[in-house]
Structures are given as structure tokens and as C-alpha cells.
PDB file of N, CA and C in Angstrom:
ATOM      1  N   MET A   1      87.583  35.929  23.052  1.00  0.00           N
ATOM      2  CA  MET A   1      86.531  35.366  22.234  1.00  0.00           C
ATOM      3  C   MET A   1      86.898  35.429  20.750  1.00  0.00           C
ATOM      4  N   GLN A   2      87.704  36.418  20.371  1.00  0.00           N
ATOM      5  CA  GLN A   2      88.132  36.542  18.974  1.00  0.00           C
ATOM      6  C   GLN A   2      88.860  35.280  18.503  1.00  0.00           C
ATOM      7  N   LYS A   3      89.737  34.721  19.345  1.00  0.00           N
ATOM      8  CA  LYS A   3      90.463  33.504  18.979  1.00  0.00           C
ATOM      9  C   LYS A   3      89.497  32.351  18.741  1.00  0.00           C
ATOM     10  N   GLU A   4      88.523  32.216  19.622  1.00  0.00           N
ATOM     11  CA  GLU A   4      87.525  31.148  19.484  1.00  0.00           C
ATOM     12  C   GLU A   4      86.703  31.346  18.219  1.00  0.00           C
ATOM     13  N   LEU A   5      86.360  32.572  17.928  1.00  0.00           N
ATOM     14  CA  LEU A   5      85.608  32.892  16.712  1.00  0.00           C
ATOM     15  C   LEU A   5      86.405  32.491  15.470  1.00  0.00           C
ATOM     16  N   HIS A   6      87.673  32.872  15.413  1.00  0.00           N
ATOM     17  CA  HIS A   6      88.516  32.508  14.265  1.00  0.00           C
ATOM     18  C   HIS A   6      88.695  30.996  14.165  1.00  0.00           C
ATOM     19  N   ARG A   7      88.844  30.334  15.300  1.00  0.00           N
ATOM     20  CA  ARG A   7      89.003  28.881  15.292  1.00  0.00           C
ATOM     21  C   ARG A   7      87.767  28.208  14.687  1.00  0.00           C
ATOM     22  N   GLN A   8      86.591  28.706  15.048  1.00  0.00           N
ATOM     23  CA  GLN A   8      85.356  28.081  14.588  1.00  0.00           C
ATOM     24  C   GLN A   8      84.915  28.530  13.196  1.00  0.00           C
ATOM     25  N   LEU A   9      85.157  29.798  12.862  1.00  0.00           N
ATOM     26  CA  LEU A   9      84.567  30.348  11.640  1.00  0.00           C
ATOM     27  C   LEU A   9      85.575  30.864  10.610  1.00  0.00           C
ATOM     28  N   GLY A  10      86.804  31.086  11.007  1.00  0.00           N
ATOM     29  CA  GLY A  10      87.794  31.611  10.065  1.00  0.00           C
ATOM     30  C   GLY A  10      87.929  33.120  10.169  1.00  0.00           C
ATOM     31  N   ILE A  11      88.818  33.658   9.364  1.00  0.00           N
ATOM     32  CA  ILE A  11      89.164  35.082   9.485  1.00  0.00           C
ATOM     33  C   ILE A  11      88.153  36.023   8.850  1.00  0.00           C
ATOM     34  N   ASP A  12      87.160  35.505   8.129  1.00  0.00           N
ATOM     35  CA  ASP A  12      86.134  36.381   7.552  1.00  0.00           C
ATOM     36  C   ASP A  12      85.193  36.932   8.615  1.00  0.00           C
ATOM     37  N   PHE A  13      85.319  36.466   9.844  1.00  0.00           N
ATOM     38  CA  PHE A  13      84.484  36.914  10.951  1.00  0.00           C
ATOM     39  C   PHE A  13      85.370  37.616  11.969  1.00  0.00           C
ATOM     40  N   ARG A  14      84.981  38.849  12.338  1.00  0.00           N
ATOM     41  CA  ARG A  14      85.761  39.616  13.310  1.00  0.00           C
ATOM     42  C   ARG A  14      84.818  40.287  14.304  1.00  0.00           C
ATOM     43  N   LEU A  15      85.301  40.434  15.510  1.00  0.00           N
ATOM     44  CA  LEU A  15      84.535  41.120  16.554  1.00  0.00           C
ATOM     45  C   LEU A  15      85.145  42.490  16.811  1.00  0.00           C
ATOM     46  N   ALA A  16      84.287  43.489  16.956  1.00  0.00           N
ATOM     47  CA  ALA A  16      84.730  44.838  17.293  1.00  0.00           C
ATOM     48  C   ALA A  16      83.932  45.296  18.508  1.00  0.00           C
ATOM     49  N   GLU A  17      84.639  45.684  19.556  1.00  0.00           N
ATOM     50  CA  GLU A  17      84.006  46.139  20.798  1.00  0.00           C
ATOM     51  C   GLU A  17      83.223  47.431  20.555  1.00  0.00           C
ATOM     52  N   ARG A  18      82.037  47.523  21.150  1.00  0.00           N
ATOM     53  CA  ARG A  18      81.206  48.725  21.069  1.00  0.00           C
ATOM     54  C   ARG A  18      81.115  49.343  22.460  1.00  0.00           C
ATOM     55  N   PRO A  19      80.805  50.638  22.547  1.00  0.00           N
ATOM     56  CA  PRO A  19      80.740  51.300  23.859  1.00  0.00           C
ATOM     57  C   PRO A  19      79.739  50.671  24.832  1.00  0.00           C
ATOM     58  N   ASN A  20      78.686  50.015  24.318  1.00  0.00           N
ATOM     59  CA  ASN A  20      77.662  49.435  25.190  1.00  0.00           C
ATOM     60  C   ASN A  20      78.043  48.059  25.730  1.00  0.00           C
ATOM     61  N   GLY A  21      79.277  47.604  25.446  1.00  0.00           N
ATOM     62  CA  GLY A  21      79.745  46.315  25.948  1.00  0.00           C
ATOM     63  C   GLY A  21      79.467  45.155  25.011  1.00  0.00           C
ATOM     64  N   LYS A  22      78.632  45.374  24.004  1.00  0.00           N
ATOM     65  CA  LYS A  22      78.377  44.329  23.009  1.00  0.00           C
ATOM     66  C   LYS A  22      79.455  44.413  21.948  1.00  0.00           C
ATOM     67  N   MET A  23      79.595  43.345  21.190  1.00  0.00           N
ATOM     68  CA  MET A  23      80.584  43.330  20.122  1.00  0.00           C
ATOM     69  C   MET A  23      79.884  43.172  18.786  1.00  0.00           C
ATOM     70  N   LYS A  24      80.264  43.981  17.812  1.00  0.00           N
ATOM     71  CA  LYS A  24      79.731  43.869  16.452  1.00  0.00           C
ATOM     72  C   LYS A  24      80.481  42.738  15.767  1.00  0.00           C
ATOM     73  N   LEU A  25      79.735  41.847  15.133  1.00  0.00           N
ATOM     74  CA  LEU A  25      80.331  40.700  14.450  1.00  0.00           C
ATOM     75  C   LEU A  25      80.367  40.963  12.952  1.00  0.00           C
ATOM     76  N   SER A  26      81.549  41.312  12.443  1.00  0.00           N
ATOM     77  CA  SER A  26      81.722  41.456  10.994  1.00  0.00           C
ATOM     78  C   SER A  26      81.652  40.073  10.387  1.00  0.00           C
ATOM     79  N   ASN A  27      80.907  39.957   9.283  1.00  0.00           N
ATOM     80  CA  ASN A  27      80.669  38.644   8.695  1.00  0.00           C
ATOM     81  C   ASN A  27      80.475  38.773   7.189  1.00  0.00           C
ATOM     82  N   PRO A  28      80.592  37.660   6.452  1.00  0.00           N
ATOM     83  CA  PRO A  28      80.478  37.724   4.998  1.00  0.00           C
ATOM     84  C   PRO A  28      79.046  37.638   4.463  1.00  0.00           C
ATOM     85  N   PHE A  29      78.045  37.509   5.335  1.00  0.00           N
ATOM     86  CA  PHE A  29      76.667  37.372   4.873  1.00  0.00           C
ATOM     87  C   PHE A  29      76.118  38.731   4.455  1.00  0.00           C
ATOM     88  N   ARG A  30      75.500  38.769   3.267  1.00  0.00           N
ATOM     89  CA  ARG A  30      75.004  40.040   2.726  1.00  0.00           C
ATOM     90  C   ARG A  30      73.519  39.965   2.399  1.00  0.00           C
ATOM     91  N   SER A  31      72.876  41.103   2.592  1.00  0.00           N
ATOM     92  CA  SER A  31      71.474  41.226   2.193  1.00  0.00           C
ATOM     93  C   SER A  31      71.442  41.610   0.709  1.00  0.00           C
ATOM     94  N   PRO A  32      70.284  41.540   0.075  1.00  0.00           N
ATOM     95  CA  PRO A  32      70.204  41.879  -1.351  1.00  0.00           C
ATOM     96  C   PRO A  32      70.692  43.282  -1.694  1.00  0.00           C
ATOM     97  N   ASP A  33      70.638  44.217  -0.745  1.00  0.00           N
ATOM     98  CA  ASP A  33      71.115  45.577  -1.030  1.00  0.00           C
ATOM     99  C   ASP A  33      72.640  45.703  -0.913  1.00  0.00           C
ATOM    100  N   GLY A  34      73.311  44.598  -0.565  1.00  0.00           N
ATOM    101  CA  GLY A  34      74.771  44.586  -0.512  1.00  0.00           C
ATOM    102  C   GLY A  34      75.360  44.819   0.869  1.00  0.00           C
ATOM    103  N   ASP A  35      74.530  45.208   1.830  1.00  0.00           N
ATOM    104  CA  ASP A  35      75.028  45.422   3.191  1.00  0.00           C
ATOM    105  C   ASP A  35      75.210  44.083   3.900  1.00  0.00           C
ATOM    106  N   ASN A  36      76.232  44.013   4.737  1.00  0.00           N
ATOM    107  CA  ASN A  36      76.422  42.811   5.552  1.00  0.00           C
ATOM    108  C   ASN A  36      75.323  42.737   6.600  1.00  0.00           C
ATOM    109  N   PHE A  37      74.971  41.523   7.002  1.00  0.00           N
ATOM    110  CA  PHE A  37      74.023  41.352   8.098  1.00  0.00           C
ATOM    111  C   PHE A  37      74.611  42.019   9.336  1.00  0.00           C
ATOM    112  N   SER A  38      73.768  42.694  10.070  1.00  0.00           N
ATOM    113  CA  SER A  38      74.197  43.306  11.335  1.00  0.00           C
ATOM    114  C   SER A  38      73.997  42.278  12.439  1.00  0.00           C
ATOM    115  N   LEU A  39      75.101  41.812  12.995  1.00  0.00           N
ATOM    116  CA  LEU A  39      75.060  40.836  14.072  1.00  0.00           C
ATOM    117  C   LEU A  39      75.895  41.345  15.239  1.00  0.00           C
ATOM    118  N   TYR A  40      75.430  41.031  16.437  1.00  0.00           N
ATOM    119  CA  TYR A  40      76.093  41.497  17.647  1.00  0.00           C
ATOM    120  C   TYR A  40      76.234  40.327  18.619  1.00  0.00           C
ATOM    121  N   VAL A  41      77.329  40.317  19.352  1.00  0.00           N
ATOM    122  CA  VAL A  41      77.608  39.241  20.299  1.00  0.00           C
ATOM    123  C   VAL A  41      77.800  39.866  21.680  1.00  0.00           C
ATOM    124  N   GLN A  42      77.194  39.219  22.665  1.00  0.00           N
ATOM    125  CA  GLN A  42      77.341  39.687  24.040  1.00  0.00           C
ATOM    126  C   GLN A  42      77.402  38.475  24.952  1.00  0.00           C
ATOM    127  N   GLU A  43      78.373  38.475  25.863  1.00  0.00           N
ATOM    128  CA  GLU A  43      78.422  37.409  26.856  1.00  0.00           C
ATOM    129  C   GLU A  43      77.323  37.688  27.870  1.00  0.00           C
ATOM    130  N   ILE A  44      76.376  36.739  28.010  1.00  0.00           N
ATOM    131  CA  ILE A  44      75.249  36.958  28.926  1.00  0.00           C
ATOM    132  C   ILE A  44      75.471  36.285  30.269  1.00  0.00           C
ATOM    133  N   GLU A  45      76.370  35.324  30.294  1.00  0.00           N
ATOM    134  CA  GLU A  45      76.834  34.692  31.532  1.00  0.00           C
ATOM    135  C   GLU A  45      78.127  33.978  31.172  1.00  0.00           C
ATOM    136  N   PRO A  46      78.937  33.622  32.153  1.00  0.00           N
ATOM    137  CA  PRO A  46      80.211  32.973  31.823  1.00  0.00           C
ATOM    138  C   PRO A  46      80.004  31.746  30.929  1.00  0.00           C
ATOM    139  N   GLY A  47      80.657  31.774  29.774  1.00  0.00           N
ATOM    140  CA  GLY A  47      80.597  30.646  28.853  1.00  0.00           C
ATOM    141  C   GLY A  47      79.416  30.636  27.902  1.00  0.00           C
ATOM    142  N   THR A  48      78.522  31.623  27.992  1.00  0.00           N
ATOM    143  CA  THR A  48      77.344  31.687  27.120  1.00  0.00           C
ATOM    144  C   THR A  48      77.258  33.059  26.467  1.00  0.00           C
ATOM    145  N   VAL A  49      77.007  33.063  25.158  1.00  0.00           N
ATOM    146  CA  VAL A  49      76.879  34.321  24.422  1.00  0.00           C
ATOM    147  C   VAL A  49      75.522  34.408  23.749  1.00  0.00           C
ATOM    148  N   ARG A  50      75.090  35.645  23.543  1.00  0.00           N
ATOM    149  CA  ARG A  50      73.885  35.922  22.764  1.00  0.00           C
ATOM    150  C   ARG A  50      74.334  36.543  21.455  1.00  0.00           C
ATOM    151  N   ILE A  51      73.855  35.966  20.355  1.00  0.00           N
ATOM    152  CA  ILE A  51      74.103  36.506  19.021  1.00  0.00           C
ATOM    153  C   ILE A  51      72.775  37.097  18.570  1.00  0.00           C
ATOM    154  N   SER A  52      72.773  38.375  18.228  1.00  0.00           N
ATOM    155  CA  SER A  52      71.527  39.089  17.961  1.00  0.00           C
ATOM    156  C   SER A  52      71.647  39.989  16.738  1.00  0.00           C
ATOM    157  N   ASP A  53      70.494  40.245  16.113  1.00  0.00           N
ATOM    158  CA  ASP A  53      70.464  41.248  15.040  1.00  0.00           C
ATOM    159  C   ASP A  53      70.033  42.613  15.577  1.00  0.00           C
ATOM    160  N   GLU A  54      69.685  42.679  16.866  1.00  0.00           N
ATOM    161  CA  GLU A  54      69.242  43.907  17.544  1.00  0.00           C
ATOM    162  C   GLU A  54      68.139  44.637  16.780  1.00  0.00           C
ATOM    163  N   GLY A  55      67.280  43.880  16.107  1.00  0.00           N
ATOM    164  CA  GLY A  55      66.139  44.462  15.404  1.00  0.00           C
ATOM    165  C   GLY A  55      66.431  44.952  14.004  1.00  0.00           C
ATOM    166  N   ASP A  56      67.668  44.798  13.539  1.00  0.00           N
ATOM    167  CA  ASP A  56      68.034  45.310  12.221  1.00  0.00           C
ATOM    168  C   ASP A  56      67.321  44.603  11.073  1.00  0.00           C
ATOM    169  N   THR A  57      67.019  43.315  11.226  1.00  0.00           N
ATOM    170  CA  THR A  57      66.353  42.590  10.144  1.00  0.00           C
ATOM    171  C   THR A  57      64.992  43.211   9.854  1.00  0.00           C
ATOM    172  N   ILE A  58      64.182  43.378  10.879  1.00  0.00           N
ATOM    173  CA  ILE A  58      62.852  43.959  10.669  1.00  0.00           C
ATOM    174  C   ILE A  58      62.963  45.408  10.211  1.00  0.00           C
ATOM    175  N   MET A  59      63.894  46.152  10.779  1.00  0.00           N
ATOM    176  CA  MET A  59      64.076  47.544  10.358  1.00  0.00           C
ATOM    177  C   MET A  59      64.411  47.620   8.865  1.00  0.00           C
ATOM    178  N   ASN A  60      65.301  46.731   8.402  1.00  0.00           N
ATOM    179  CA  ASN A  60      65.691  46.744   6.996  1.00  0.00           C
ATOM    180  C   ASN A  60      64.584  46.247   6.076  1.00  0.00           C
ATOM    181  N   LEU A  61      63.620  45.535   6.632  1.00  0.00           N
ATOM    182  CA  LEU A  61      62.505  45.024   5.835  1.00  0.00           C
ATOM    183  C   LEU A  61      61.290  45.935   5.906  1.00  0.00           C
ATOM    184  N   SER A  62      61.454  47.130   6.436  1.00  0.00           N
ATOM    185  CA  SER A  62      60.307  48.012   6.638  1.00  0.00           C
ATOM    186  C   SER A  62      59.602  48.371   5.335  1.00  0.00           C
ATOM    187  N   CYS A  63      60.271  48.213   4.202  1.00  0.00           N
ATOM    188  CA  CYS A  63      59.596  48.477   2.928  1.00  0.00           C
ATOM    189  C   CYS A  63      58.602  47.358   2.593  1.00  0.00           C
ATOM    190  N   TYR A  64      58.744  46.195   3.247  1.00  0.00           N
ATOM    191  CA  TYR A  64      57.835  45.068   3.005  1.00  0.00           C
ATOM    192  C   TYR A  64      56.785  44.913   4.097  1.00  0.00           C
ATOM    193  N   VAL A  65      57.095  45.377   5.288  1.00  0.00           N
ATOM    194  CA  VAL A  65      56.206  45.130   6.427  1.00  0.00           C
ATOM    195  C   VAL A  65      55.963  46.420   7.201  1.00  0.00           C
ATOM    196  N   SER A  66      54.951  46.362   8.018  1.00  0.00           N
ATOM    197  CA  SER A  66      54.625  47.472   8.902  1.00  0.00           C
ATOM    198  C   SER A  66      55.705  47.594   9.976  1.00  0.00           C
ATOM    199  N   HIS A  67      55.840  48.783  10.516  1.00  0.00           N
ATOM    200  CA  HIS A  67      56.759  48.981  11.645  1.00  0.00           C
ATOM    201  C   HIS A  67      56.155  48.440  12.935  1.00  0.00           C
ATOM    202  N   ASP A  68      54.883  48.101  12.890  1.00  0.00           N
ATOM    203  CA  ASP A  68      54.201  47.538  14.053  1.00  0.00           C
ATOM    204  C   ASP A  68      54.577  46.062  14.164  1.00  0.00           C
ATOM    205  N   ILE A  69      55.297  45.709  15.217  1.00  0.00           N
ATOM    206  CA  ILE A  69      55.793  44.338  15.396  1.00  0.00           C
ATOM    207  C   ILE A  69      54.641  43.340  15.431  1.00  0.00           C
ATOM    208  N   GLU A  70      53.517  43.711  16.041  1.00  0.00           N
ATOM    209  CA  GLU A  70      52.374  42.796  16.115  1.00  0.00           C
ATOM    210  C   GLU A  70      51.876  42.433  14.719  1.00  0.00           C
ATOM    211  N   GLU A  71      51.806  43.406  13.817  1.00  0.00           N
ATOM    212  CA  GLU A  71      51.354  43.146  12.444  1.00  0.00           C
ATOM    213  C   GLU A  71      52.320  42.228  11.703  1.00  0.00           C
ATOM    214  N   PHE A  72      53.580  42.341  12.035  1.00  0.00           N
ATOM    215  CA  PHE A  72      54.619  41.528  11.388  1.00  0.00           C
ATOM    216  C   PHE A  72      54.328  40.033  11.533  1.00  0.00           C
ATOM    217  N   PHE A  73      53.720  39.640  12.647  1.00  0.00           N
ATOM    218  CA  PHE A  73      53.488  38.224  12.933  1.00  0.00           C
ATOM    219  C   PHE A  73      52.042  37.784  12.700  1.00  0.00           C
ATOM    220  N   GLN A  74      51.270  38.569  11.957  1.00  0.00           N
ATOM    221  CA  GLN A  74      49.891  38.199  11.673  1.00  0.00           C
ATOM    222  C   GLN A  74      49.764  37.577  10.283  1.00  0.00           C
ATOM    223  N   GLY A  75      48.690  36.829  10.093  1.00  0.00           N
ATOM    224  CA  GLY A  75      48.386  36.251   8.782  1.00  0.00           C
ATOM    225  C   GLY A  75      49.291  35.094   8.410  1.00  0.00           C
ATOM    226  N   LYS A  76      49.197  34.710   7.138  1.00  0.00           N
ATOM    227  CA  LYS A  76      49.969  33.567   6.626  1.00  0.00           C
ATOM    228  C   LYS A  76      51.470  33.806   6.717  1.00  0.00           C
ATOM    229  N   LYS A  77      51.916  34.997   6.347  1.00  0.00           N
ATOM    230  CA  LYS A  77      53.354  35.289   6.428  1.00  0.00           C
ATOM    231  C   LYS A  77      53.831  35.235   7.875  1.00  0.00           C
ATOM    232  N   GLY A  78      53.006  35.731   8.776  1.00  0.00           N
ATOM    233  CA  GLY A  78      53.338  35.679  10.196  1.00  0.00           C
ATOM    234  C   GLY A  78      53.484  34.249  10.685  1.00  0.00           C
ATOM    235  N   GLU A  79      52.573  33.380  10.237  1.00  0.00           N
ATOM    236  CA  GLU A  79      52.666  31.954  10.590  1.00  0.00           C
ATOM    237  C   GLU A  79      53.972  31.361  10.065  1.00  0.00           C
ATOM    238  N   SER A  80      54.318  31.715   8.828  1.00  0.00           N
ATOM    239  CA  SER A  80      55.565  31.207   8.236  1.00  0.00           C
ATOM    240  C   SER A  80      56.781  31.696   9.005  1.00  0.00           C
ATOM    241  N   ILE A  81      56.749  32.954   9.425  1.00  0.00           N
ATOM    242  CA  ILE A  81      57.875  33.508  10.178  1.00  0.00           C
ATOM    243  C   ILE A  81      58.003  32.817  11.532  1.00  0.00           C
ATOM    244  N   ARG A  82      56.887  32.565  12.202  1.00  0.00           N
ATOM    245  CA  ARG A  82      56.926  31.821  13.476  1.00  0.00           C
ATOM    246  C   ARG A  82      57.508  30.427  13.265  1.00  0.00           C
ATOM    247  N   TRP A  83      57.135  29.779  12.163  1.00  0.00           N
ATOM    248  CA  TRP A  83      57.670  28.456  11.853  1.00  0.00           C
ATOM    249  C   TRP A  83      59.191  28.541  11.651  1.00  0.00           C
ATOM    250  N   ILE A  84      59.664  29.556  10.928  1.00  0.00           N
ATOM    251  CA  ILE A  84      61.109  29.748  10.693  1.00  0.00           C
ATOM    252  C   ILE A  84      61.831  29.936  12.030  1.00  0.00           C
ATOM    253  N   ILE A  85      61.269  30.749  12.910  1.00  0.00           N
ATOM    254  CA  ILE A  85      61.865  30.994  14.226  1.00  0.00           C
ATOM    255  C   ILE A  85      61.977  29.683  15.001  1.00  0.00           C
ATOM    256  N   ASP A  86      60.884  28.921  15.029  1.00  0.00           N
ATOM    257  CA  ASP A  86      60.888  27.645  15.754  1.00  0.00           C
ATOM    258  C   ASP A  86      61.847  26.642  15.128  1.00  0.00           C
ATOM    259  N   GLU A  87      61.817  26.537  13.809  1.00  0.00           N
ATOM    260  CA  GLU A  87      62.646  25.552  13.093  1.00  0.00           C
ATOM    261  C   GLU A  87      64.133  25.810  13.321  1.00  0.00           C
ATOM    262  N   ASN A  88      64.527  27.066  13.366  1.00  0.00           N
ATOM    263  CA  ASN A  88      65.940  27.411  13.540  1.00  0.00           C
ATOM    264  C   ASN A  88      66.343  27.576  15.006  1.00  0.00           C
ATOM    265  N   LYS A  89      65.369  27.379  15.896  1.00  0.00           N
ATOM    266  CA  LYS A  89      65.614  27.463  17.342  1.00  0.00           C
ATOM    267  C   LYS A  89      66.244  28.801  17.733  1.00  0.00           C
ATOM    268  N   ILE A  90      65.623  29.884  17.218  1.00  0.00           N
ATOM    269  CA  ILE A  90      66.041  31.222  17.614  1.00  0.00           C
ATOM    270  C   ILE A  90      64.883  31.842  18.404  1.00  0.00           C
ATOM    271  N   VAL A  91      65.101  33.048  18.907  1.00  0.00           N
ATOM    272  CA  VAL A  91      64.104  33.745  19.712  1.00  0.00           C
ATOM    273  C   VAL A  91      63.826  35.099  19.072  1.00  0.00           C
ATOM    274  N   GLU A  92      62.565  35.524  19.156  1.00  0.00           N
ATOM    275  CA  GLU A  92      62.202  36.884  18.746  1.00  0.00           C
ATOM    276  C   GLU A  92      61.742  37.608  19.991  1.00  0.00           C
ATOM    277  N   ASP A  93      62.277  38.804  20.213  1.00  0.00           N
ATOM    278  CA  ASP A  93      61.876  39.614  21.357  1.00  0.00           C
ATOM    279  C   ASP A  93      61.745  41.060  20.899  1.00  0.00           C
ATOM    280  N   ASN A  94      60.502  41.522  20.786  1.00  0.00           N
ATOM    281  CA  ASN A  94      60.212  42.901  20.396  1.00  0.00           C
ATOM    282  C   ASN A  94      60.930  43.309  19.108  1.00  0.00           C
ATOM    283  N   GLY A  95      60.926  42.410  18.130  1.00  0.00           N
ATOM    284  CA  GLY A  95      61.509  42.716  16.825  1.00  0.00           C
ATOM    285  C   GLY A  95      62.968  42.345  16.667  1.00  0.00           C
ATOM    286  N   SER A  96      63.596  41.907  17.728  1.00  0.00           N
ATOM    287  CA  SER A  96      65.000  41.496  17.670  1.00  0.00           C
ATOM    288  C   SER A  96      65.070  39.969  17.628  1.00  0.00           C
ATOM    289  N   PHE A  97      65.859  39.440  16.722  1.00  0.00           N
ATOM    290  CA  PHE A  97      66.064  37.995  16.641  1.00  0.00           C
ATOM    291  C   PHE A  97      67.406  37.654  17.290  1.00  0.00           C
ATOM    292  N   TYR A  98      67.414  36.573  18.086  1.00  0.00           N
ATOM    293  CA  TYR A  98      68.672  36.188  18.728  1.00  0.00           C
ATOM    294  C   TYR A  98      68.699  34.703  19.050  1.00  0.00           C
ATOM    295  N   VAL A  99      69.892  34.247  19.364  1.00  0.00           N
ATOM    296  CA  VAL A  99      70.107  32.878  19.825  1.00  0.00           C
ATOM    297  C   VAL A  99      71.168  32.923  20.911  1.00  0.00           C
ATOM    298  N   ASP A 100      70.963  32.154  21.980  1.00  0.00           N
ATOM    299  CA  ASP A 100      71.944  32.018  23.062  1.00  0.00           C
ATOM    300  C   ASP A 100      72.629  30.671  22.912  1.00  0.00           C
ATOM    301  N   VAL A 101      73.961  30.677  22.918  1.00  0.00           N
ATOM    302  CA  VAL A 101      74.722  29.444  22.744  1.00  0.00           C
ATOM    303  C   VAL A 101      75.959  29.447  23.632  1.00  0.00           C
ATOM    304  N   PRO A 102      76.453  28.248  23.972  1.00  0.00           N
ATOM    305  CA  PRO A 102      77.750  28.194  24.646  1.00  0.00           C
ATOM    306  C   PRO A 102      78.830  28.737  23.698  1.00  0.00           C
ATOM    307  N   VAL A 103      79.865  29.336  24.244  1.00  0.00           N
ATOM    308  CA  VAL A 103      80.939  29.885  23.414  1.00  0.00           C
ATOM    309  C   VAL A 103      81.486  28.828  22.458  1.00  0.00           C
ATOM    310  N   GLY A 104      81.555  27.582  22.897  1.00  0.00           N
ATOM    311  CA  GLY A 104      82.055  26.499  22.041  1.00  0.00           C
ATOM    312  C   GLY A 104      81.162  26.182  20.851  1.00  0.00           C
ATOM    313  N   LYS A 105      79.950  26.743  20.830  1.00  0.00           N
ATOM    314  CA  LYS A 105      79.022  26.526  19.711  1.00  0.00           C
ATOM    315  C   LYS A 105      78.679  27.848  19.033  1.00  0.00           C
ATOM    316  N   LEU A 106      79.605  28.785  19.100  1.00  0.00           N
ATOM    317  CA  LEU A 106      79.417  30.090  18.489  1.00  0.00           C
ATOM    318  C   LEU A 106      79.088  29.968  17.002  1.00  0.00           C
ATOM    319  N   SER A 107      79.813  29.125  16.290  1.00  0.00           N
ATOM    320  CA  SER A 107      79.573  28.982  14.842  1.00  0.00           C
ATOM    321  C   SER A 107      78.169  28.459  14.577  1.00  0.00           C
ATOM    322  N   GLU A 108      77.717  27.507  15.358  1.00  0.00           N
ATOM    323  CA  GLU A 108      76.360  26.976  15.178  1.00  0.00           C
ATOM    324  C   GLU A 108      75.329  28.083  15.376  1.00  0.00           C
ATOM    325  N   GLY A 109      75.516  28.901  16.390  1.00  0.00           N
ATOM    326  CA  GLY A 109      74.588  29.992  16.643  1.00  0.00           C
ATOM    327  C   GLY A 109      74.566  31.014  15.524  1.00  0.00           C
ATOM    328  N   VAL A 110      75.743  31.372  15.013  1.00  0.00           N
ATOM    329  CA  VAL A 110      75.831  32.332  13.908  1.00  0.00           C
ATOM    330  C   VAL A 110      75.082  31.794  12.695  1.00  0.00           C
ATOM    331  N   PHE A 111      75.327  30.543  12.343  1.00  0.00           N
ATOM    332  CA  PHE A 111      74.688  29.984  11.157  1.00  0.00           C
ATOM    333  C   PHE A 111      73.189  29.794  11.338  1.00  0.00           C
ATOM    334  N   ARG A 112      72.742  29.409  12.535  1.00  0.00           N
ATOM    335  CA  ARG A 112      71.294  29.287  12.779  1.00  0.00           C
ATOM    336  C   ARG A 112      70.604  30.636  12.633  1.00  0.00           C
ATOM    337  N   LEU A 113      71.192  31.666  13.225  1.00  0.00           N
ATOM    338  CA  LEU A 113      70.590  32.991  13.141  1.00  0.00           C
ATOM    339  C   LEU A 113      70.602  33.510  11.706  1.00  0.00           C
ATOM    340  N   CYS A 114      71.723  33.363  11.022  1.00  0.00           N
ATOM    341  CA  CYS A 114      71.809  33.834   9.632  1.00  0.00           C
ATOM    342  C   CYS A 114      70.847  33.078   8.719  1.00  0.00           C
ATOM    343  N   GLN A 115      70.724  31.780   8.916  1.00  0.00           N
ATOM    344  CA  GLN A 115      69.775  31.015   8.109  1.00  0.00           C
ATOM    345  C   GLN A 115      68.358  31.521   8.337  1.00  0.00           C
ATOM    346  N   ALA A 116      68.007  31.781   9.582  1.00  0.00           N
ATOM    347  CA  ALA A 116      66.669  32.291   9.886  1.00  0.00           C
ATOM    348  C   ALA A 116      66.450  33.661   9.241  1.00  0.00           C
ATOM    349  N   ILE A 117      67.443  34.532   9.312  1.00  0.00           N
ATOM    350  CA  ILE A 117      67.324  35.861   8.708  1.00  0.00           C
ATOM    351  C   ILE A 117      67.112  35.739   7.202  1.00  0.00           C
ATOM    352  N   ILE A 118      67.873  34.881   6.559  1.00  0.00           N
ATOM    353  CA  ILE A 118      67.719  34.669   5.115  1.00  0.00           C
ATOM    354  C   ILE A 118      66.316  34.164   4.797  1.00  0.00           C
ATOM    355  N   GLN A 119      65.832  33.204   5.569  1.00  0.00           N
ATOM    356  CA  GLN A 119      64.503  32.651   5.324  1.00  0.00           C
ATOM    357  C   GLN A 119      63.414  33.695   5.568  1.00  0.00           C
ATOM    358  N   ILE A 120      63.552  34.482   6.606  1.00  0.00           N
ATOM    359  CA  ILE A 120      62.561  35.525   6.901  1.00  0.00           C
ATOM    360  C   ILE A 120      62.545  36.566   5.786  1.00  0.00           C
ATOM    361  N   ARG A 121      63.726  36.988   5.357  1.00  0.00           N
ATOM    362  CA  ARG A 121      63.804  37.962   4.254  1.00  0.00           C
ATOM    363  C   ARG A 121      63.151  37.397   3.001  1.00  0.00           C
ATOM    364  N   SER A 122      63.399  36.136   2.706  1.00  0.00           N
ATOM    365  CA  SER A 122      62.808  35.505   1.522  1.00  0.00           C
ATOM    366  C   SER A 122      61.291  35.432   1.643  1.00  0.00           C
ATOM    367  N   GLU A 123      60.811  35.075   2.807  1.00  0.00           N
ATOM    368  CA  GLU A 123      59.356  34.955   3.040  1.00  0.00           C
ATOM    369  C   GLU A 123      58.669  36.301   2.832  1.00  0.00           C
ATOM    370  N   LEU A 124      59.264  37.357   3.333  1.00  0.00           N
ATOM    371  CA  LEU A 124      58.641  38.674   3.245  1.00  0.00           C
ATOM    372  C   LEU A 124      58.759  39.300   1.862  1.00  0.00           C
ATOM    373  N   ALA A 125      59.747  38.868   1.104  1.00  0.00           N
ATOM    374  CA  ALA A 125      59.938  39.420  -0.245  1.00  0.00           C
ATOM    375  C   ALA A 125      58.993  38.784  -1.259  1.00  0.00           C
ATOM    376  N   LEU A 126      58.338  37.681  -0.885  1.00  0.00           N
ATOM    377  CA  LEU A 126      57.419  36.997  -1.814  1.00  0.00           C
ATOM    378  C   LEU A 126      56.161  37.795  -2.032  1.00  0.00           C
TER     379      LEU A 126
END
């Protein structure tokens, strides 16, 4: 998968195997505090991967929002976040944002998820 990743995205993106079978995706996207976005890749079936933040986006935004996931999606900001999720065609599951894509569309999935994370962070920082 590393070869496919480099072919689609270049050498600024690298995969590192983790003990749980998922791979950490090193990437050039940074949050305002200077940390890279935490992204993880896992093959969920032959030819299909899940790219996920494993809940890190909401965890890192805890200074702006409640730790209660239900509260995160309430009110006007919650409506905006749901719109961002739908617009970018990603999924939210118990605070984790992810997208499932064919391996051949890995770059599209990475950019869709990162765009959504950027938009969500911007919405909550307002």
C-alpha cells in the first residue's frame, strides 16, 4: 500500500504499521498548534481502506466543545458540522471521523477527510 500511497500523494505521506494492525499515515497537514493531523489507514476488505482520525479531531478540540459527543452535534454549530460531514461524504461514528474508499482512490479519501477536519475545526473555533 505504501507504493500506491506514494504514487497518488507523493513522498510527504508515509505509512507506519501499528501493533493493532492499523497504519498511521504521516502527512503534511497541520493543526493550528503545529501538530500533524492524526490519520490512520486500515484495510477493511480486499481493495478497500478506511481512513480515520480515530476520534483525535474531537479530542483535540475539547477546549472548544464538550467531551459529550451528543452535545457536539447540537445547536447551530452541530447543524453546520453535520452539513460538513454530508458535504465531504465522510462518516462520524462515536466521535471518530472516517471515509471508506477503494485503494485506487486513497488520495481522494485523504483529501476529503482532511478538508472536513479543517472545516470542522474552523466552525468550532468561531
